[in-house]
Amino acid sequence: MHYVGSGSSNSVGNVLARAFLDSSLEL
């Protein structure tokens, strides 16, 4: 269960990081 939770958190962080990078590129 802990592994699944970590994977979920990692996925969320990945999405946020990608969105942040996309915003930086647009600027």
N, C-alpha and C. Protein backbone atom coordinates (compact mmCIF):
# COMPACT_ATOMS: atom_id res chain seq x y z
N MET A 1 0.84 -1.20 0.00
CA MET A 1 0.00 0.00 0.00
C MET A 1 0.88 1.25 0.00
N HIS A 2 1.95 1.21 0.80
CA HIS A 2 2.84 2.37 0.88
C HIS A 2 3.45 2.66 -0.49
N TYR A 3 3.78 1.58 -1.21
CA TYR A 3 4.38 1.74 -2.54
C TYR A 3 3.42 2.46 -3.48
N VAL A 4 2.14 2.06 -3.41
CA VAL A 4 1.13 2.67 -4.28
C VAL A 4 1.00 4.16 -3.94
N GLY A 5 0.99 4.47 -2.64
CA GLY A 5 0.85 5.87 -2.22
C GLY A 5 2.02 6.69 -2.74
N SER A 6 3.23 6.14 -2.64
CA SER A 6 4.42 6.85 -3.11
C SER A 6 4.32 7.08 -4.61
N GLY A 7 3.87 6.06 -5.33
CA GLY A 7 3.75 6.19 -6.78
C GLY A 7 2.76 7.28 -7.13
N SER A 8 1.65 7.34 -6.40
CA SER A 8 0.64 8.35 -6.68
C SER A 8 1.22 9.75 -6.45
N SER A 9 1.91 9.91 -5.32
CA SER A 9 2.49 11.21 -5.00
C SER A 9 3.51 11.60 -6.07
N ASN A 10 4.30 10.62 -6.50
CA ASN A 10 5.33 10.89 -7.50
C ASN A 10 4.66 11.34 -8.80
N SER A 11 3.55 10.70 -9.17
CA SER A 11 2.86 11.06 -10.41
C SER A 11 2.36 12.50 -10.33
N VAL A 12 1.76 12.84 -9.19
CA VAL A 12 1.25 14.20 -9.02
C VAL A 12 2.38 15.21 -9.13
N GLY A 13 3.49 14.94 -8.47
CA GLY A 13 4.64 15.85 -8.51
C GLY A 13 5.16 15.98 -9.94
N ASN A 14 5.14 14.86 -10.67
CA ASN A 14 5.62 14.88 -12.05
C ASN A 14 4.75 15.80 -12.89
N VAL A 15 3.43 15.70 -12.73
CA VAL A 15 2.49 16.53 -13.50
C VAL A 15 2.71 18.00 -13.17
N LEU A 16 2.85 18.32 -11.88
CA LEU A 16 3.05 19.71 -11.48
C LEU A 16 4.36 20.24 -12.04
N ALA A 17 5.41 19.43 -11.98
CA ALA A 17 6.72 19.85 -12.49
C ALA A 17 6.62 20.12 -13.98
N ARG A 18 5.93 19.24 -14.70
CA ARG A 18 5.81 19.42 -16.16
C ARG A 18 5.02 20.69 -16.47
N ALA A 19 3.94 20.93 -15.73
CA ALA A 19 3.13 22.13 -15.95
C ALA A 19 3.98 23.37 -15.69
N PHE A 20 4.80 23.32 -14.63
CA PHE A 20 5.66 24.46 -14.29
C PHE A 20 6.66 24.72 -15.42
N LEU A 21 7.26 23.66 -15.95
CA LEU A 21 8.23 23.80 -17.04
C LEU A 21 7.54 24.38 -18.28
N ASP A 22 6.33 23.91 -18.57
CA ASP A 22 5.60 24.42 -19.74
C ASP A 22 5.36 25.92 -19.57
N SER A 23 4.98 26.34 -18.36
CA SER A 23 4.72 27.76 -18.13
C SER A 23 6.00 28.56 -18.33
N SER A 24 7.12 28.05 -17.86
CA SER A 24 8.39 28.75 -18.00
C SER A 24 8.75 28.90 -19.47
N LEU A 25 8.51 27.85 -20.25
CA LEU A 25 8.83 27.91 -21.68
C LEU A 25 7.97 28.96 -22.37
N GLU A 26 6.70 29.06 -21.96
CA GLU A 26 5.81 30.04 -22.58
C GLU A 26 6.31 31.45 -22.28
N LEU A 27 6.80 31.66 -21.04
CA LEU A 27 7.29 32.99 -20.68
C LEU A 27 8.54 33.31 -21.49
